[in-house]
C-alpha atoms as a PDB file:
ATOM      1  CA  UNK A   1      42.779   3.944 -31.105  1.00  0.00           C
ATOM      2  CA  UNK A   2      44.812   0.585 -30.542  1.00  0.00           C
ATOM      3  CA  UNK A   3      42.910  -2.564 -31.512  1.00  0.00           C
ATOM      4  CA  UNK A   4      43.074  -3.876 -27.683  1.00  0.00           C
ATOM      5  CA  UNK A   5      40.939  -0.240 -26.843  1.00  0.00           C
ATOM      6  CA  UNK A   6      38.874  -1.184 -29.802  1.00  0.00           C
ATOM      7  CA  UNK A   7      38.038  -4.500 -29.061  1.00  0.00           C
ATOM      8  CA  UNK A   8      37.217  -3.770 -25.558  1.00  0.00           C
ATOM      9  CA  UNK A   9      34.892  -1.111 -26.179  1.00  0.00           C
ATOM     10  CA  UNK A  10      32.989  -3.403 -28.516  1.00  0.00           C
ATOM     11  CA  UNK A  11      32.948  -6.143 -25.941  1.00  0.00           C
ATOM     12  CA  UNK A  12      31.516  -3.922 -23.155  1.00  0.00           C
ATOM     13  CA  UNK A  13      28.704  -2.450 -26.192  1.00  0.00           C
ATOM     14  CA  UNK A  14      27.803  -6.121 -26.536  1.00  0.00           C
ATOM     15  CA  UNK A  15      27.063  -6.896 -22.828  1.00  0.00           C
ATOM     16  CA  UNK A  16      25.040  -2.914 -22.520  1.00  0.00           C
ATOM     17  CA  UNK A  17      23.115  -4.330 -25.596  1.00  0.00           C
ATOM     18  CA  UNK A  18      22.336  -8.304 -23.945  1.00  0.00           C
ATOM     19  CA  UNK A  19      21.416  -6.706 -20.582  1.00  0.00           C
ATOM     20  CA  UNK A  20      18.625  -4.369 -22.662  1.00  0.00           C
ATOM     21  CA  UNK A  21      17.316  -6.913 -23.797  1.00  0.00           C
ATOM     22  CA  UNK A  22      17.492  -8.850 -21.617  1.00  0.00           C
ATOM     23  CA  UNK A  23      15.276  -6.085 -19.254  1.00  0.00           C
ATOM     24  CA  UNK A  24      12.989  -5.671 -22.312  1.00  0.00           C
ATOM     25  CA  UNK A  25      12.298  -9.650 -22.712  1.00  0.00           C
ATOM     26  CA  UNK A  26      11.660  -9.399 -18.591  1.00  0.00           C
ATOM     27  CA  UNK A  27       9.407  -6.517 -19.312  1.00  0.00           C
ATOM     28  CA  UNK A  28       7.177  -8.186 -21.871  1.00  0.00           C
ATOM     29  CA  UNK A  29       6.423 -11.151 -19.960  1.00  0.00           C
ATOM     30  CA  UNK A  30       4.998  -8.759 -17.149  1.00  0.00           C
ATOM     31  CA  UNK A  31       8.175  -8.491 -15.186  1.00  0.00           C
ATOM     32  CA  UNK A  32      10.009 -10.514 -12.508  1.00  0.00           C
ATOM     33  CA  UNK A  33       7.974 -12.970 -10.047  1.00  0.00           C
ATOM     34  CA  UNK A  34       5.416 -15.754 -11.064  1.00  0.00           C
ATOM     35  CA  UNK A  35       3.136 -13.084 -11.885  1.00  0.00           C
ATOM     36  CA  UNK A  36      -0.296 -13.896 -13.135  1.00  0.00           C
ATOM     37  CA  UNK A  37      -2.232 -11.483 -10.635  1.00  0.00           C
ATOM     38  CA  UNK A  38      -4.452  -8.577 -11.795  1.00  0.00           C
ATOM     39  CA  UNK A  39      -3.495  -5.238 -12.232  1.00  0.00           C
ATOM     40  CA  UNK A  40      -3.206  -3.448  -9.183  1.00  0.00           C
ATOM     41  CA  UNK A  41      -5.500  -0.848  -8.272  1.00  0.00           C
ATOM     42  CA  UNK A  42      -4.643   3.055  -8.347  1.00  0.00           C
ATOM     43  CA  UNK A  43      -4.758   4.949  -4.659  1.00  0.00           C
ATOM     44  CA  UNK A  44      -7.969   6.880  -4.929  1.00  0.00           C
ATOM     45  CA  UNK A  45      -7.663   9.626  -2.269  1.00  0.00           C
ATOM     46  CA  UNK A  46     -11.234  12.104  -1.598  1.00  0.00           C
ATOM     47  CA  UNK A  47     -12.182  15.363   0.232  1.00  0.00           C
ATOM     48  CA  UNK A  48     -15.122  15.282   1.411  1.00  0.00           C
ATOM     49  CA  UNK A  49     -15.149  18.747   3.810  1.00  0.00           C
ATOM     50  CA  UNK A  50     -19.078  19.589   3.595  1.00  0.00           C
ATOM     51  CA  UNK A  51     -19.695  16.111   6.038  1.00  0.00           C
ATOM     52  CA  UNK A  52     -19.631  16.904   9.222  1.00  0.00           C
ATOM     53  CA  UNK A  53     -16.338  16.263  11.900  1.00  0.00           C
ATOM     54  CA  UNK A  54     -17.151  13.401  14.715  1.00  0.00           C
ATOM     55  CA  UNK A  55     -19.035  13.888  17.982  1.00  0.00           C
ATOM     56  CA  UNK A  56     -15.921  15.388  19.561  1.00  0.00           C
ATOM     57  CA  UNK A  57     -14.206  17.232  16.583  1.00  0.00           C
ATOM     58  CA  UNK A  58     -10.807  15.612  17.015  1.00  0.00           C
ATOM     59  CA  UNK A  59      -8.454  14.273  14.391  1.00  0.00           C
ATOM     60  CA  UNK A  60      -9.636  10.742  13.838  1.00  0.00           C
ATOM     61  CA  UNK A  61      -8.408   7.803  11.678  1.00  0.00           C
ATOM     62  CA  UNK A  62     -10.480   4.685  10.513  1.00  0.00           C
ATOM     63  CA  UNK A  63      -9.669   1.415   8.664  1.00  0.00           C
ATOM     64  CA  UNK A  64     -12.064   0.399   6.698  1.00  0.00           C
ATOM     65  CA  UNK A  65     -13.353  -2.947   3.985  1.00  0.00           C
ATOM     66  CA  UNK A  66     -12.312  -2.361   0.143  1.00  0.00           C
ATOM     67  CA  UNK A  67     -15.865  -1.973  -0.814  1.00  0.00           C
ATOM     68  CA  UNK A  68     -17.826   0.193  -4.019  1.00  0.00           C
ATOM     69  CA  UNK A  69     -19.840   3.279  -2.098  1.00  0.00           C
ATOM     70  CA  UNK A  70     -20.376   4.410   1.045  1.00  0.00           C
ATOM     71  CA  UNK A  71     -17.376   3.796   3.913  1.00  0.00           C
ATOM     72  CA  UNK A  72     -17.588   0.753   6.067  1.00  0.00           C
ATOM     73  CA  UNK A  73     -15.269   0.284   8.597  1.00  0.00           C
ATOM     74  CA  UNK A  74     -13.503  -3.004   9.298  1.00  0.00           C
ATOM     75  CA  UNK A  75     -14.718  -5.096  12.537  1.00  0.00           C
ATOM     76  CA  UNK A  76     -12.721  -7.624  14.716  1.00  0.00           C
ATOM     77  CA  UNK A  77     -13.370 -10.939  12.468  1.00  0.00           C
ATOM     78  CA  UNK A  78     -13.644  -9.421   9.050  1.00  0.00           C
ATOM     79  CA  UNK A  79     -12.376 -11.393   6.141  1.00  0.00           C
ATOM     80  CA  UNK A  80      -9.909  -9.505   3.846  1.00  0.00           C
ATOM     81  CA  UNK A  81      -9.039 -11.263   0.121  1.00  0.00           C
ATOM     82  CA  UNK A  82      -5.558 -11.923  -0.832  1.00  0.00           C
ATOM     83  CA  UNK A  83      -4.928  -9.985  -3.886  1.00  0.00           C
ATOM     84  CA  UNK A  84      -2.066 -11.095  -6.136  1.00  0.00           C
ATOM     85  CA  UNK A  85      -0.216  -8.396  -8.030  1.00  0.00           C
ATOM     86  CA  UNK A  86       1.247  -8.827 -11.811  1.00  0.00           C
ATOM     87  CA  UNK A  87       4.904  -9.360 -10.422  1.00  0.00           C
ATOM     88  CA  UNK A  88       4.088 -11.842  -7.827  1.00  0.00           C
ATOM     89  CA  UNK A  89       3.999 -10.167  -5.030  1.00  0.00           C
ATOM     90  CA  UNK A  90       0.568 -10.282  -2.960  1.00  0.00           C
ATOM     91  CA  UNK A  91      -1.559  -7.343  -0.961  1.00  0.00           C
ATOM     92  CA  UNK A  92      -4.989  -6.587   0.666  1.00  0.00           C
ATOM     93  CA  UNK A  93      -6.954  -3.861   0.056  1.00  0.00           C
ATOM     94  CA  UNK A  94      -8.041  -1.254   2.658  1.00  0.00           C
ATOM     95  CA  UNK A  95      -9.579   1.946   2.984  1.00  0.00           C
ATOM     96  CA  UNK A  96      -8.433   4.923   5.160  1.00  0.00           C
ATOM     97  CA  UNK A  97     -11.124   7.465   6.276  1.00  0.00           C
ATOM     98  CA  UNK A  98      -9.461  10.299   8.210  1.00  0.00           C
ATOM     99  CA  UNK A  99     -10.486  13.053   9.388  1.00  0.00           C
ATOM    100  CA  UNK A 100      -8.413  16.070  10.620  1.00  0.00           C
ATOM    101  CA  UNK A 101      -9.528  20.428  10.795  1.00  0.00           C
ATOM    102  CA  UNK A 102      -6.647  21.277   8.870  1.00  0.00           C
ATOM    103  CA  UNK A 103      -5.241  20.359   5.824  1.00  0.00           C
ATOM    104  CA  UNK A 104      -1.991  19.227   5.642  1.00  0.00           C
ATOM    105  CA  UNK A 105       0.228  16.065   4.725  1.00  0.00           C
ATOM    106  CA  UNK A 106       0.193  12.983   6.333  1.00  0.00           C
ATOM    107  CA  UNK A 107       1.982   9.578   6.471  1.00  0.00           C
ATOM    108  CA  UNK A 108      -0.469   6.438   7.182  1.00  0.00           C
ATOM    109  CA  UNK A 109       1.609   3.211   8.562  1.00  0.00           C
ATOM    110  CA  UNK A 110      -0.055   0.475   8.407  1.00  0.00           C
ATOM    111  CA  UNK A 111       0.823  -3.338   9.619  1.00  0.00           C
ATOM    112  CA  UNK A 112      -0.584  -7.015   9.573  1.00  0.00           C
ATOM    113  CA  UNK A 113       0.542  -9.121  12.334  1.00  0.00           C
ATOM    114  CA  UNK A 114      -0.078 -12.630  12.625  1.00  0.00           C
ATOM    115  CA  UNK A 115      -1.641 -13.811  16.022  1.00  0.00           C
ATOM    116  CA  UNK A 116       1.708 -15.125  17.363  1.00  0.00           C
ATOM    117  CA  UNK A 117       3.218 -11.272  16.849  1.00  0.00           C
ATOM    118  CA  UNK A 118       5.585 -11.897  13.735  1.00  0.00           C
ATOM    119  CA  UNK A 119       4.762  -9.620  11.006  1.00  0.00           C
ATOM    120  CA  UNK A 120       2.682 -10.503   8.291  1.00  0.00           C
ATOM    121  CA  UNK A 121       3.082  -7.081   6.211  1.00  0.00           C
ATOM    122  CA  UNK A 122       2.640  -3.685   5.811  1.00  0.00           C
ATOM    123  CA  UNK A 123       2.922  -0.215   3.967  1.00  0.00           C
ATOM    124  CA  UNK A 124       3.608   3.575   3.877  1.00  0.00           C
ATOM    125  CA  UNK A 125       1.504   5.751   2.358  1.00  0.00           C
ATOM    126  CA  UNK A 126       1.560   9.939   2.245  1.00  0.00           C
ATOM    127  CA  UNK A 127      -1.599  11.553   1.586  1.00  0.00           C
ATOM    128  CA  UNK A 128      -2.373  15.215   0.913  1.00  0.00           C
ATOM    129  CA  UNK A 129      -5.275  16.060   3.285  1.00  0.00           C
ATOM    130  CA  UNK A 130      -8.075  18.627   3.029  1.00  0.00           C
ATOM    131  CA  UNK A 131      -9.652  19.824   6.338  1.00  0.00           C
ATOM    132  CA  UNK A 132     -12.519  17.597   6.929  1.00  0.00           C
ATOM    133  CA  UNK A 133     -13.062  13.989   5.882  1.00  0.00           C
ATOM    134  CA  UNK A 134     -10.435  12.675   3.694  1.00  0.00           C
ATOM    135  CA  UNK A 135     -11.204   8.918   2.123  1.00  0.00           C
ATOM    136  CA  UNK A 136      -8.220   7.191   0.820  1.00  0.00           C
ATOM    137  CA  UNK A 137      -9.106   3.765  -1.317  1.00  0.00           C
ATOM    138  CA  UNK A 138      -7.587   1.037  -3.020  1.00  0.00           C
ATOM    139  CA  UNK A 139      -4.799   1.399  -0.245  1.00  0.00           C
ATOM    140  CA  UNK A 140      -2.202  -1.259  -0.696  1.00  0.00           C
ATOM    141  CA  UNK A 141      -0.961  -3.650   2.465  1.00  0.00           C
ATOM    142  CA  UNK A 142       2.247  -5.895   1.523  1.00  0.00           C
ATOM    143  CA  UNK A 143       1.364  -8.938   2.930  1.00  0.00           C
ATOM    144  CA  UNK A 144       4.809 -11.563   3.320  1.00  0.00           C
ATOM    145  CA  UNK A 145       3.017 -14.680   3.640  1.00  0.00           C
ATOM    146  CA  UNK A 146       1.505 -16.427   0.973  1.00  0.00           C
ATOM    147  CA  UNK A 147      -1.180 -18.546   3.047  1.00  0.00           C
ATOM    148  CA  UNK A 148      -4.402 -17.949   4.735  1.00  0.00           C
ATOM    149  CA  UNK A 149      -3.577 -16.092   8.558  1.00  0.00           C
ATOM    150  CA  UNK A 150      -5.083 -14.217  11.492  1.00  0.00           C
ATOM    151  CA  UNK A 151      -4.267 -11.152  13.167  1.00  0.00           C
ATOM    152  CA  UNK A 152      -4.556  -7.588  13.937  1.00  0.00           C
ATOM    153  CA  UNK A 153      -4.138  -4.727  11.234  1.00  0.00           C
ATOM    154  CA  UNK A 154      -3.266  -1.616  12.560  1.00  0.00           C
ATOM    155  CA  UNK A 155      -2.660   2.240  11.208  1.00  0.00           C
ATOM    156  CA  UNK A 156      -0.709   4.898  13.056  1.00  0.00           C
ATOM    157  CA  UNK A 157      -2.071   7.872  10.873  1.00  0.00           C
ATOM    158  CA  UNK A 158       0.343  11.519  11.596  1.00  0.00           C
ATOM    159  CA  UNK A 159       0.583  15.020  10.274  1.00  0.00           C
ATOM    160  CA  UNK A 160       3.940  14.833   8.338  1.00  0.00           C
ATOM    161  CA  UNK A 161       4.532  18.724  10.145  1.00  0.00           C
ATOM    162  CA  UNK A 162       4.146  16.855  13.808  1.00  0.00           C
ATOM    163  CA  UNK A 163       5.901  14.193  14.971  1.00  0.00           C
ATOM    164  CA  UNK A 164       3.909  14.388  18.330  1.00  0.00           C
ATOM    165  CA  UNK A 165       0.795  13.542  17.225  1.00  0.00           C
ATOM    166  CA  UNK A 166      -0.311   9.992  16.070  1.00  0.00           C
ATOM    167  CA  UNK A 167      -3.582   8.613  15.524  1.00  0.00           C
ATOM    168  CA  UNK A 168      -3.972   4.802  15.890  1.00  0.00           C
ATOM    169  CA  UNK A 169      -6.689   2.095  15.451  1.00  0.00           C
ATOM    170  CA  UNK A 170      -6.167  -2.143  15.119  1.00  0.00           C
ATOM    171  CA  UNK A 171      -8.450  -4.685  13.838  1.00  0.00           C
ATOM    172  CA  UNK A 172      -8.239  -8.396  13.777  1.00  0.00           C
ATOM    173  CA  UNK A 173      -9.268  -9.679  10.488  1.00  0.00           C
ATOM    174  CA  UNK A 174      -8.745 -12.816   8.932  1.00  0.00           C
ATOM    175  CA  UNK A 175      -6.919 -12.870   5.166  1.00  0.00           C
ATOM    176  CA  UNK A 176      -7.638 -15.754   2.511  1.00  0.00           C
ATOM    177  CA  UNK A 177      -6.831 -16.764  -0.074  1.00  0.00           C
END
């Protein structure tokens, strides 16, 4: 092996070691961004197959408040706190309640818009639903706007196996700091 090749390999190894040190240093201080927020709560999915279906027996989706205990639907005018993530991002938590007569995989597409129609945030979540009522708590909707604002929060829920069926709901809410 020539001295030039050996020197080149040493230089590459040094660059890799420096990059690894830099990444480890970022991880030790909490990752990228200003951070400082609380740890992100994991999404929790539960099934209540024994709870009676809606009166019409059809699939339905509802947006709810981020609360412990019984499901509480979001209503127009509700305020939602803006949560700061550990890596500098921000989000709101919602609860999603889905009734489906058959088990299967579902996709939730959530959007938050400003009153002027500009996109303020979004999220896409996959859920394995049982036949019956399914509740997904701590669903994060990532917010792109760092200030308090108001507008419609909406969900489009669809079974992965059937692209022709989409359930939706929208609620006008405000996000507070």
